[in-house]
Amino acid sequence: MWTAVLVAGVGCYLLKLTGLSLPERVLSHATVERVADLIPVALLAALVAVQVGSSGTALTLDARALGLGFALVGLLLRLPFLVVVVGAAVVAALGRLV
């Protein structure tokens, strides 16, 4: 197991070093900047989808989906972020209670 951790650590370091070694003209390209701006959004969306839509190795649809639905509506209505987070938690908790 430690071998895998060390190999992953070295791989991450080399990937970071590769990114730092790229010339400025590559990094300032419009396509690279656009993709770099969208990668965190895509990763967060994938994380949310996995956490809401799965339980172990099975796909499930439960109270977490209700909370996500509330969060989506709250964000579309431009509610404050704290209201969205707390509201989604309350809706999910009530869904589990029912």
PDB file of N, CA and C in Angstrom:
ATOM      1  N   MET A   1       0.817  -1.187   0.000  1.00  0.00           N
ATOM      2  CA  MET A   1       0.000   0.000   0.000  1.00  0.00           C
ATOM      3  C   MET A   1       0.867   1.260   0.000  1.00  0.00           C
ATOM      4  N   TRP A   2       1.950   1.248   0.785  1.00  0.00           N
ATOM      5  CA  TRP A   2       2.816   2.413   0.820  1.00  0.00           C
ATOM      6  C   TRP A   2       3.472   2.657  -0.529  1.00  0.00           C
ATOM      7  N   THR A   3       3.701   1.604  -1.268  1.00  0.00           N
ATOM      8  CA  THR A   3       4.273   1.777  -2.598  1.00  0.00           C
ATOM      9  C   THR A   3       3.328   2.568  -3.482  1.00  0.00           C
ATOM     10  N   ALA A   4       2.040   2.240  -3.410  1.00  0.00           N
ATOM     11  CA  ALA A   4       1.052   2.960  -4.210  1.00  0.00           C
ATOM     12  C   ALA A   4       0.974   4.428  -3.794  1.00  0.00           C
ATOM     13  N   VAL A   5       1.042   4.698  -2.490  1.00  0.00           N
ATOM     14  CA  VAL A   5       0.999   6.079  -1.999  1.00  0.00           C
ATOM     15  C   VAL A   5       2.220   6.857  -2.494  1.00  0.00           C
ATOM     16  N   LEU A   6       3.381   6.243  -2.404  1.00  0.00           N
ATOM     17  CA  LEU A   6       4.606   6.914  -2.856  1.00  0.00           C
ATOM     18  C   LEU A   6       4.608   7.138  -4.367  1.00  0.00           C
ATOM     19  N   VAL A   7       4.160   6.153  -5.127  1.00  0.00           N
ATOM     20  CA  VAL A   7       4.099   6.304  -6.587  1.00  0.00           C
ATOM     21  C   VAL A   7       3.114   7.403  -6.962  1.00  0.00           C
ATOM     22  N   ALA A   8       1.970   7.442  -6.291  1.00  0.00           N
ATOM     23  CA  ALA A   8       0.987   8.489  -6.568  1.00  0.00           C
ATOM     24  C   ALA A   8       1.543   9.859  -6.206  1.00  0.00           C
ATOM     25  N   GLY A   9       2.259   9.955  -5.088  1.00  0.00           N
ATOM     26  CA  GLY A   9       2.855  11.225  -4.685  1.00  0.00           C
ATOM     27  C   GLY A   9       3.891  11.717  -5.684  1.00  0.00           C
ATOM     28  N   VAL A  10       4.753  10.826  -6.132  1.00  0.00           N
ATOM     29  CA  VAL A  10       5.762  11.187  -7.130  1.00  0.00           C
ATOM     30  C   VAL A  10       5.086  11.579  -8.445  1.00  0.00           C
ATOM     31  N   GLY A  11       4.048  10.846  -8.819  1.00  0.00           N
ATOM     32  CA  GLY A  11       3.318  11.183 -10.050  1.00  0.00           C
ATOM     33  C   GLY A  11       2.686  12.562  -9.975  1.00  0.00           C
ATOM     34  N   CYS A  12       2.092  12.897  -8.832  1.00  0.00           N
ATOM     35  CA  CYS A  12       1.493  14.226  -8.654  1.00  0.00           C
ATOM     36  C   CYS A  12       2.552  15.314  -8.722  1.00  0.00           C
ATOM     37  N   TYR A  13       3.707  15.056  -8.096  1.00  0.00           N
ATOM     38  CA  TYR A  13       4.791  16.025  -8.129  1.00  0.00           C
ATOM     39  C   TYR A  13       5.267  16.252  -9.562  1.00  0.00           C
ATOM     40  N   LEU A  14       5.450  15.168 -10.322  1.00  0.00           N
ATOM     41  CA  LEU A  14       5.908  15.287 -11.704  1.00  0.00           C
ATOM     42  C   LEU A  14       4.882  16.004 -12.574  1.00  0.00           C
ATOM     43  N   LEU A  15       3.595  15.746 -12.328  1.00  0.00           N
ATOM     44  CA  LEU A  15       2.557  16.436 -13.085  1.00  0.00           C
ATOM     45  C   LEU A  15       2.584  17.933 -12.791  1.00  0.00           C
ATOM     46  N   LYS A  16       2.752  18.295 -11.528  1.00  0.00           N
ATOM     47  CA  LYS A  16       2.849  19.703 -11.144  1.00  0.00           C
ATOM     48  C   LYS A  16       4.092  20.338 -11.765  1.00  0.00           C
ATOM     49  N   LEU A  17       5.210  19.633 -11.735  1.00  0.00           N
ATOM     50  CA  LEU A  17       6.448  20.137 -12.320  1.00  0.00           C
ATOM     51  C   LEU A  17       6.296  20.347 -13.828  1.00  0.00           C
ATOM     52  N   THR A  18       5.581  19.438 -14.480  1.00  0.00           N
ATOM     53  CA  THR A  18       5.341  19.581 -15.914  1.00  0.00           C
ATOM     54  C   THR A  18       4.537  20.848 -16.190  1.00  0.00           C
ATOM     55  N   GLY A  19       3.510  21.098 -15.391  1.00  0.00           N
ATOM     56  CA  GLY A  19       2.703  22.297 -15.574  1.00  0.00           C
ATOM     57  C   GLY A  19       3.498  23.564 -15.356  1.00  0.00           C
ATOM     58  N   LEU A  20       4.397  23.548 -14.380  1.00  0.00           N
ATOM     59  CA  LEU A  20       5.229  24.726 -14.112  1.00  0.00           C
ATOM     60  C   LEU A  20       6.299  24.928 -15.181  1.00  0.00           C
ATOM     61  N   SER A  21       6.642  23.865 -15.896  1.00  0.00           N
ATOM     62  CA  SER A  21       7.691  23.938 -16.906  1.00  0.00           C
ATOM     63  C   SER A  21       7.187  24.403 -18.267  1.00  0.00           C
ATOM     64  N   LEU A  22       5.884  24.461 -18.438  1.00  0.00           N
ATOM     65  CA  LEU A  22       5.346  24.876 -19.738  1.00  0.00           C
ATOM     66  C   LEU A  22       5.663  26.347 -20.004  1.00  0.00           C
ATOM     67  N   PRO A  23       5.949  26.693 -21.248  1.00  0.00           N
ATOM     68  CA  PRO A  23       6.216  28.098 -21.564  1.00  0.00           C
ATOM     69  C   PRO A  23       4.953  28.961 -21.416  1.00  0.00           C
ATOM     70  N   GLU A  24       5.141  30.236 -21.142  1.00  0.00           N
ATOM     71  CA  GLU A  24       4.035  31.164 -20.918  1.00  0.00           C
ATOM     72  C   GLU A  24       3.106  31.244 -22.130  1.00  0.00           C
ATOM     73  N   ARG A  25       3.637  31.130 -23.330  1.00  0.00           N
ATOM     74  CA  ARG A  25       2.787  31.242 -24.526  1.00  0.00           C
ATOM     75  C   ARG A  25       1.767  30.110 -24.603  1.00  0.00           C
ATOM     76  N   VAL A  26       2.099  28.938 -24.063  1.00  0.00           N
ATOM     77  CA  VAL A  26       1.153  27.820 -24.039  1.00  0.00           C
ATOM     78  C   VAL A  26       0.056  28.095 -23.021  1.00  0.00           C
ATOM     79  N   LEU A  27       0.447  28.569 -21.845  1.00  0.00           N
ATOM     80  CA  LEU A  27      -0.515  28.803 -20.779  1.00  0.00           C
ATOM     81  C   LEU A  27      -1.439  29.984 -21.047  1.00  0.00           C
ATOM     82  N   SER A  28      -0.982  30.942 -21.838  1.00  0.00           N
ATOM     83  CA  SER A  28      -1.799  32.127 -22.104  1.00  0.00           C
ATOM     84  C   SER A  28      -2.716  31.945 -23.314  1.00  0.00           C
ATOM     85  N   HIS A  29      -2.688  30.781 -23.929  1.00  0.00           N
ATOM     86  CA  HIS A  29      -3.568  30.516 -25.067  1.00  0.00           C
ATOM     87  C   HIS A  29      -5.022  30.536 -24.588  1.00  0.00           C
ATOM     88  N   ALA A  30      -5.916  31.104 -25.380  1.00  0.00           N
ATOM     89  CA  ALA A  30      -7.320  31.279 -24.979  1.00  0.00           C
ATOM     90  C   ALA A  30      -8.005  29.951 -24.661  1.00  0.00           C
ATOM     91  N   THR A  31      -7.737  28.922 -25.442  1.00  0.00           N
ATOM     92  CA  THR A  31      -8.372  27.628 -25.209  1.00  0.00           C
ATOM     93  C   THR A  31      -7.909  27.013 -23.892  1.00  0.00           C
ATOM     94  N   VAL A  32      -6.633  27.113 -23.606  1.00  0.00           N
ATOM     95  CA  VAL A  32      -6.097  26.570 -22.355  1.00  0.00           C
ATOM     96  C   VAL A  32      -6.699  27.304 -21.165  1.00  0.00           C
ATOM     97  N   GLU A  33      -6.806  28.619 -21.248  1.00  0.00           N
ATOM     98  CA  GLU A  33      -7.401  29.394 -20.156  1.00  0.00           C
ATOM     99  C   GLU A  33      -8.865  29.026 -19.947  1.00  0.00           C
ATOM    100  N   ARG A  34      -9.609  28.854 -21.042  1.00  0.00           N
ATOM    101  CA  ARG A  34     -11.034  28.506 -20.942  1.00  0.00           C
ATOM    102  C   ARG A  34     -11.214  27.122 -20.319  1.00  0.00           C
ATOM    103  N   VAL A  35     -10.408  26.164 -20.746  1.00  0.00           N
ATOM    104  CA  VAL A  35     -10.492  24.814 -20.196  1.00  0.00           C
ATOM    105  C   VAL A  35     -10.084  24.813 -18.724  1.00  0.00           C
ATOM    106  N   ALA A  36      -9.037  25.553 -18.385  1.00  0.00           N
ATOM    107  CA  ALA A  36      -8.571  25.606 -16.992  1.00  0.00           C
ATOM    108  C   ALA A  36      -9.629  26.231 -16.085  1.00  0.00           C
ATOM    109  N   ASP A  37     -10.410  27.166 -16.612  1.00  0.00           N
ATOM    110  CA  ASP A  37     -11.487  27.764 -15.817  1.00  0.00           C
ATOM    111  C   ASP A  37     -12.633  26.793 -15.588  1.00  0.00           C
ATOM    112  N   LEU A  38     -12.866  25.875 -16.523  1.00  0.00           N
ATOM    113  CA  LEU A  38     -14.017  24.972 -16.433  1.00  0.00           C
ATOM    114  C   LEU A  38     -13.721  23.657 -15.724  1.00  0.00           C
ATOM    115  N   ILE A  39     -12.474  23.290 -15.586  1.00  0.00           N
ATOM    116  CA  ILE A  39     -12.134  22.008 -14.958  1.00  0.00           C
ATOM    117  C   ILE A  39     -12.636  21.913 -13.519  1.00  0.00           C
ATOM    118  N   PRO A  40     -12.448  22.925 -12.662  1.00  0.00           N
ATOM    119  CA  PRO A  40     -12.979  22.793 -11.296  1.00  0.00           C
ATOM    120  C   PRO A  40     -14.495  22.627 -11.252  1.00  0.00           C
ATOM    121  N   VAL A  41     -15.199  23.290 -12.147  1.00  0.00           N
ATOM    122  CA  VAL A  41     -16.662  23.166 -12.194  1.00  0.00           C
ATOM    123  C   VAL A  41     -17.053  21.738 -12.568  1.00  0.00           C
ATOM    124  N   ALA A  42     -16.382  21.179 -13.562  1.00  0.00           N
ATOM    125  CA  ALA A  42     -16.680  19.815 -13.986  1.00  0.00           C
ATOM    126  C   ALA A  42     -16.363  18.803 -12.881  1.00  0.00           C
ATOM    127  N   LEU A  43     -15.249  18.991 -12.191  1.00  0.00           N
ATOM    128  CA  LEU A  43     -14.898  18.071 -11.103  1.00  0.00           C
ATOM    129  C   LEU A  43     -15.890  18.165  -9.956  1.00  0.00           C
ATOM    130  N   LEU A  44     -16.310  19.374  -9.611  1.00  0.00           N
ATOM    131  CA  LEU A  44     -17.287  19.531  -8.534  1.00  0.00           C
ATOM    132  C   LEU A  44     -18.631  18.922  -8.928  1.00  0.00           C
ATOM    133  N   ALA A  45     -19.048  19.117 -10.172  1.00  0.00           N
ATOM    134  CA  ALA A  45     -20.304  18.536 -10.637  1.00  0.00           C
ATOM    135  C   ALA A  45     -20.240  17.006 -10.608  1.00  0.00           C
ATOM    136  N   ALA A  46     -19.118  16.442 -10.993  1.00  0.00           N
ATOM    137  CA  ALA A  46     -18.966  14.988 -10.951  1.00  0.00           C
ATOM    138  C   ALA A  46     -19.002  14.475  -9.515  1.00  0.00           C
ATOM    139  N   LEU A  47     -18.358  15.199  -8.600  1.00  0.00           N
ATOM    140  CA  LEU A  47     -18.370  14.805  -7.198  1.00  0.00           C
ATOM    141  C   LEU A  47     -19.784  14.844  -6.632  1.00  0.00           C
ATOM    142  N   VAL A  48     -20.534  15.893  -6.941  1.00  0.00           N
ATOM    143  CA  VAL A  48     -21.914  15.996  -6.469  1.00  0.00           C
ATOM    144  C   VAL A  48     -22.760  14.860  -7.039  1.00  0.00           C
ATOM    145  N   ALA A  49     -22.595  14.576  -8.322  1.00  0.00           N
ATOM    146  CA  ALA A  49     -23.383  13.508  -8.951  1.00  0.00           C
ATOM    147  C   ALA A  49     -23.095  12.155  -8.308  1.00  0.00           C
ATOM    148  N   VAL A  50     -21.831  11.881  -8.025  1.00  0.00           N
ATOM    149  CA  VAL A  50     -21.477  10.597  -7.411  1.00  0.00           C
ATOM    150  C   VAL A  50     -22.006  10.521  -5.981  1.00  0.00           C
ATOM    151  N   GLN A  51     -21.882  11.607  -5.221  1.00  0.00           N
ATOM    152  CA  GLN A  51     -22.313  11.583  -3.825  1.00  0.00           C
ATOM    153  C   GLN A  51     -23.831  11.529  -3.694  1.00  0.00           C
ATOM    154  N   VAL A  52     -24.551  12.147  -4.619  1.00  0.00           N
ATOM    155  CA  VAL A  52     -26.013  12.179  -4.533  1.00  0.00           C
ATOM    156  C   VAL A  52     -26.635  10.938  -5.157  1.00  0.00           C
ATOM    157  N   GLY A  53     -26.071  10.456  -6.240  1.00  0.00           N
ATOM    158  CA  GLY A  53     -26.724   9.393  -6.994  1.00  0.00           C
ATOM    159  C   GLY A  53     -26.220   7.997  -6.755  1.00  0.00           C
ATOM    160  N   SER A  54     -25.367   7.781  -5.746  1.00  0.00           N
ATOM    161  CA  SER A  54     -24.876   6.422  -5.539  1.00  0.00           C
ATOM    162  C   SER A  54     -24.791   6.106  -4.057  1.00  0.00           C
ATOM    163  N   SER A  55     -24.895   4.826  -3.792  1.00  0.00           N
ATOM    164  CA  SER A  55     -24.727   4.326  -2.440  1.00  0.00           C
ATOM    165  C   SER A  55     -23.903   3.050  -2.555  1.00  0.00           C
ATOM    166  N   GLY A  56     -22.634   3.138  -2.234  1.00  0.00           N
ATOM    167  CA  GLY A  56     -21.743   2.000  -2.455  1.00  0.00           C
ATOM    168  C   GLY A  56     -21.509   1.826  -3.940  1.00  0.00           C
ATOM    169  N   THR A  57     -21.895   0.663  -4.459  1.00  0.00           N
ATOM    170  CA  THR A  57     -21.728   0.413  -5.890  1.00  0.00           C
ATOM    171  C   THR A  57     -23.050   0.487  -6.645  1.00  0.00           C
ATOM    172  N   ALA A  58     -24.126   0.851  -5.956  1.00  0.00           N
ATOM    173  CA  ALA A  58     -25.448   0.896  -6.597  1.00  0.00           C
ATOM    174  C   ALA A  58     -25.890   2.339  -6.809  1.00  0.00           C
ATOM    175  N   LEU A  59     -26.645   2.538  -7.864  1.00  0.00           N
ATOM    176  CA  LEU A  59     -27.249   3.848  -8.108  1.00  0.00           C
ATOM    177  C   LEU A  59     -28.524   3.950  -7.289  1.00  0.00           C
ATOM    178  N   THR A  60     -28.691   5.065  -6.597  1.00  0.00           N
ATOM    179  CA  THR A  60     -29.868   5.253  -5.759  1.00  0.00           C
ATOM    180  C   THR A  60     -30.419   6.663  -5.942  1.00  0.00           C
ATOM    181  N   LEU A  61     -31.672   6.800  -5.642  1.00  0.00           N
ATOM    182  CA  LEU A  61     -32.326   8.100  -5.658  1.00  0.00           C
ATOM    183  C   LEU A  61     -33.076   8.216  -4.332  1.00  0.00           C
ATOM    184  N   ASP A  62     -32.538   9.021  -3.414  1.00  0.00           N
ATOM    185  CA  ASP A  62     -33.132   9.120  -2.088  1.00  0.00           C
ATOM    186  C   ASP A  62     -33.249  10.586  -1.669  1.00  0.00           C
ATOM    187  N   ALA A  63     -33.244  10.830  -0.372  1.00  0.00           N
ATOM    188  CA  ALA A  63     -33.459  12.177   0.159  1.00  0.00           C
ATOM    189  C   ALA A  63     -32.357  13.152  -0.267  1.00  0.00           C
ATOM    190  N   ARG A  64     -31.187  12.640  -0.585  1.00  0.00           N
ATOM    191  CA  ARG A  64     -30.112  13.526  -1.038  1.00  0.00           C
ATOM    192  C   ARG A  64     -30.501  14.241  -2.323  1.00  0.00           C
ATOM    193  N   ALA A  65     -31.267  13.573  -3.178  1.00  0.00           N
ATOM    194  CA  ALA A  65     -31.722  14.199  -4.420  1.00  0.00           C
ATOM    195  C   ALA A  65     -32.688  15.346  -4.132  1.00  0.00           C
ATOM    196  N   LEU A  66     -33.508  15.204  -3.088  1.00  0.00           N
ATOM    197  CA  LEU A  66     -34.397  16.303  -2.699  1.00  0.00           C
ATOM    198  C   LEU A  66     -33.581  17.515  -2.253  1.00  0.00           C
ATOM    199  N   GLY A  67     -32.557  17.275  -1.463  1.00  0.00           N
ATOM    200  CA  GLY A  67     -31.683  18.363  -1.031  1.00  0.00           C
ATOM    201  C   GLY A  67     -30.992  19.036  -2.197  1.00  0.00           C
ATOM    202  N   LEU A  68     -30.533  18.236  -3.149  1.00  0.00           N
ATOM    203  CA  LEU A  68     -29.895  18.794  -4.346  1.00  0.00           C
ATOM    204  C   LEU A  68     -30.891  19.612  -5.151  1.00  0.00           C
ATOM    205  N   GLY A  69     -32.122  19.125  -5.254  1.00  0.00           N
ATOM    206  CA  GLY A  69     -33.161  19.880  -5.959  1.00  0.00           C
ATOM    207  C   GLY A  69     -33.430  21.221  -5.301  1.00  0.00           C
ATOM    208  N   PHE A  70     -33.494  21.222  -3.958  1.00  0.00           N
ATOM    209  CA  PHE A  70     -33.677  22.492  -3.243  1.00  0.00           C
ATOM    210  C   PHE A  70     -32.511  23.433  -3.508  1.00  0.00           C
ATOM    211  N   ALA A  71     -31.294  22.896  -3.473  1.00  0.00           N
ATOM    212  CA  ALA A  71     -30.114  23.723  -3.713  1.00  0.00           C
ATOM    213  C   ALA A  71     -30.145  24.317  -5.121  1.00  0.00           C
ATOM    214  N   LEU A  72     -30.546  23.534  -6.094  1.00  0.00           N
ATOM    215  CA  LEU A  72     -30.629  24.025  -7.466  1.00  0.00           C
ATOM    216  C   LEU A  72     -31.636  25.160  -7.585  1.00  0.00           C
ATOM    217  N   VAL A  73     -32.810  24.974  -7.003  1.00  0.00           N
ATOM    218  CA  VAL A  73     -33.833  26.025  -7.043  1.00  0.00           C
ATOM    219  C   VAL A  73     -33.357  27.260  -6.288  1.00  0.00           C
ATOM    220  N   GLY A  74     -32.739  27.052  -5.126  1.00  0.00           N
ATOM    221  CA  GLY A  74     -32.236  28.173  -4.347  1.00  0.00           C
ATOM    222  C   GLY A  74     -31.182  28.977  -5.087  1.00  0.00           C
ATOM    223  N   LEU A  75     -30.295  28.280  -5.789  1.00  0.00           N
ATOM    224  CA  LEU A  75     -29.280  28.981  -6.563  1.00  0.00           C
ATOM    225  C   LEU A  75     -29.879  29.715  -7.753  1.00  0.00           C
ATOM    226  N   LEU A  76     -30.876  29.115  -8.388  1.00  0.00           N
ATOM    227  CA  LEU A  76     -31.543  29.797  -9.503  1.00  0.00           C
ATOM    228  C   LEU A  76     -32.285  31.048  -9.031  1.00  0.00           C
ATOM    229  N   LEU A  77     -32.807  31.003  -7.799  1.00  0.00           N
ATOM    230  CA  LEU A  77     -33.490  32.164  -7.225  1.00  0.00           C
ATOM    231  C   LEU A  77     -32.502  33.153  -6.607  1.00  0.00           C
ATOM    232  N   ARG A  78     -31.216  32.832  -6.680  1.00  0.00           N
ATOM    233  CA  ARG A  78     -30.141  33.674  -6.147  1.00  0.00           C
ATOM    234  C   ARG A  78     -30.271  33.926  -4.651  1.00  0.00           C
ATOM    235  N   LEU A  79     -30.644  32.871  -3.920  1.00  0.00           N
ATOM    236  CA  LEU A  79     -30.684  32.952  -2.467  1.00  0.00           C
ATOM    237  C   LEU A  79     -29.249  32.995  -1.943  1.00  0.00           C
ATOM    238  N   PRO A  80     -29.038  33.545  -0.753  1.00  0.00           N
ATOM    239  CA  PRO A  80     -27.682  33.536  -0.173  1.00  0.00           C
ATOM    240  C   PRO A  80     -27.167  32.099  -0.016  1.00  0.00           C
ATOM    241  N   PHE A  81     -25.861  31.944  -0.174  1.00  0.00           N
ATOM    242  CA  PHE A  81     -25.262  30.613  -0.168  1.00  0.00           C
ATOM    243  C   PHE A  81     -25.559  29.861   1.120  1.00  0.00           C
ATOM    244  N   LEU A  82     -25.483  30.537   2.242  1.00  0.00           N
ATOM    245  CA  LEU A  82     -25.741  29.885   3.518  1.00  0.00           C
ATOM    246  C   LEU A  82     -27.178  29.375   3.602  1.00  0.00           C
ATOM    247  N   VAL A  83     -28.118  30.136   3.059  1.00  0.00           N
ATOM    248  CA  VAL A  83     -29.523  29.709   3.036  1.00  0.00           C
ATOM    249  C   VAL A  83     -29.666  28.462   2.163  1.00  0.00           C
ATOM    250  N   VAL A  84     -28.966  28.440   1.053  1.00  0.00           N
ATOM    251  CA  VAL A  84     -29.027  27.283   0.149  1.00  0.00           C
ATOM    252  C   VAL A  84     -28.483  26.036   0.840  1.00  0.00           C
ATOM    253  N   VAL A  85     -27.343  26.150   1.494  1.00  0.00           N
ATOM    254  CA  VAL A  85     -26.720  24.990   2.137  1.00  0.00           C
ATOM    255  C   VAL A  85     -27.580  24.471   3.292  1.00  0.00           C
ATOM    256  N   VAL A  86     -28.000  25.385   4.168  1.00  0.00           N
ATOM    257  CA  VAL A  86     -28.815  24.967   5.310  1.00  0.00           C
ATOM    258  C   VAL A  86     -30.166  24.443   4.841  1.00  0.00           C
ATOM    259  N   GLY A  87     -30.764  25.112   3.876  1.00  0.00           N
ATOM    260  CA  GLY A  87     -32.055  24.659   3.352  1.00  0.00           C
ATOM    261  C   GLY A  87     -31.964  23.283   2.721  1.00  0.00           C
ATOM    262  N   ALA A  88     -30.914  23.035   1.963  1.00  0.00           N
ATOM    263  CA  ALA A  88     -30.738  21.716   1.340  1.00  0.00           C
ATOM    264  C   ALA A  88     -30.556  20.643   2.405  1.00  0.00           C
ATOM    265  N   ALA A  89     -29.821  20.960   3.458  1.00  0.00           N
ATOM    266  CA  ALA A  89     -29.638  19.989   4.545  1.00  0.00           C
ATOM    267  C   ALA A  89     -30.955  19.706   5.249  1.00  0.00           C
ATOM    268  N   VAL A  90     -31.748  20.748   5.491  1.00  0.00           N
ATOM    269  CA  VAL A  90     -33.039  20.557   6.158  1.00  0.00           C
ATOM    270  C   VAL A  90     -33.980  19.736   5.280  1.00  0.00           C
ATOM    271  N   VAL A  91     -34.027  20.052   3.985  1.00  0.00           N
ATOM    272  CA  VAL A  91     -34.899  19.309   3.073  1.00  0.00           C
ATOM    273  C   VAL A  91     -34.482  17.843   2.992  1.00  0.00           C
ATOM    274  N   ALA A  92     -33.168  17.585   2.924  1.00  0.00           N
ATOM    275  CA  ALA A  92     -32.701  16.204   2.889  1.00  0.00           C
ATOM    276  C   ALA A  92     -33.029  15.478   4.193  1.00  0.00           C
ATOM    277  N   ALA A  93     -32.878  16.167   5.320  1.00  0.00           N
ATOM    278  CA  ALA A  93     -33.190  15.546   6.609  1.00  0.00           C
ATOM    279  C   ALA A  93     -34.671  15.235   6.718  1.00  0.00           C
ATOM    280  N   LEU A  94     -35.510  16.158   6.265  1.00  0.00           N
ATOM    281  CA  LEU A  94     -36.955  15.906   6.298  1.00  0.00           C
ATOM    282  C   LEU A  94     -37.333  14.767   5.356  1.00  0.00           C
ATOM    283  N   GLY A  95     -36.655  14.703   4.220  1.00  0.00           N
ATOM    284  CA  GLY A  95     -36.900  13.593   3.296  1.00  0.00           C
ATOM    285  C   GLY A  95     -36.534  12.259   3.897  1.00  0.00           C
ATOM    286  N   ARG A  96     -35.438  12.200   4.633  1.00  0.00           N
ATOM    287  CA  ARG A  96     -35.055  10.958   5.311  1.00  0.00           C
ATOM    288  C   ARG A  96     -36.042  10.611   6.410  1.00  0.00           C
ATOM    289  N   LEU A  97     -36.546  11.642   7.074  1.00  0.00           N
ATOM    290  CA  LEU A  97     -37.498  11.420   8.177  1.00  0.00           C
ATOM    291  C   LEU A  97     -38.794  10.801   7.665  1.00  0.00           C
ATOM    292  N   VAL A  98     -39.221  11.245   6.502  1.00  0.00           N
ATOM    293  CA  VAL A  98     -40.463  10.740   5.910  1.00  0.00           C
ATOM    294  C   VAL A  98     -40.190   9.358   5.357  1.00  0.00           C
TER     295      VAL A  98
END
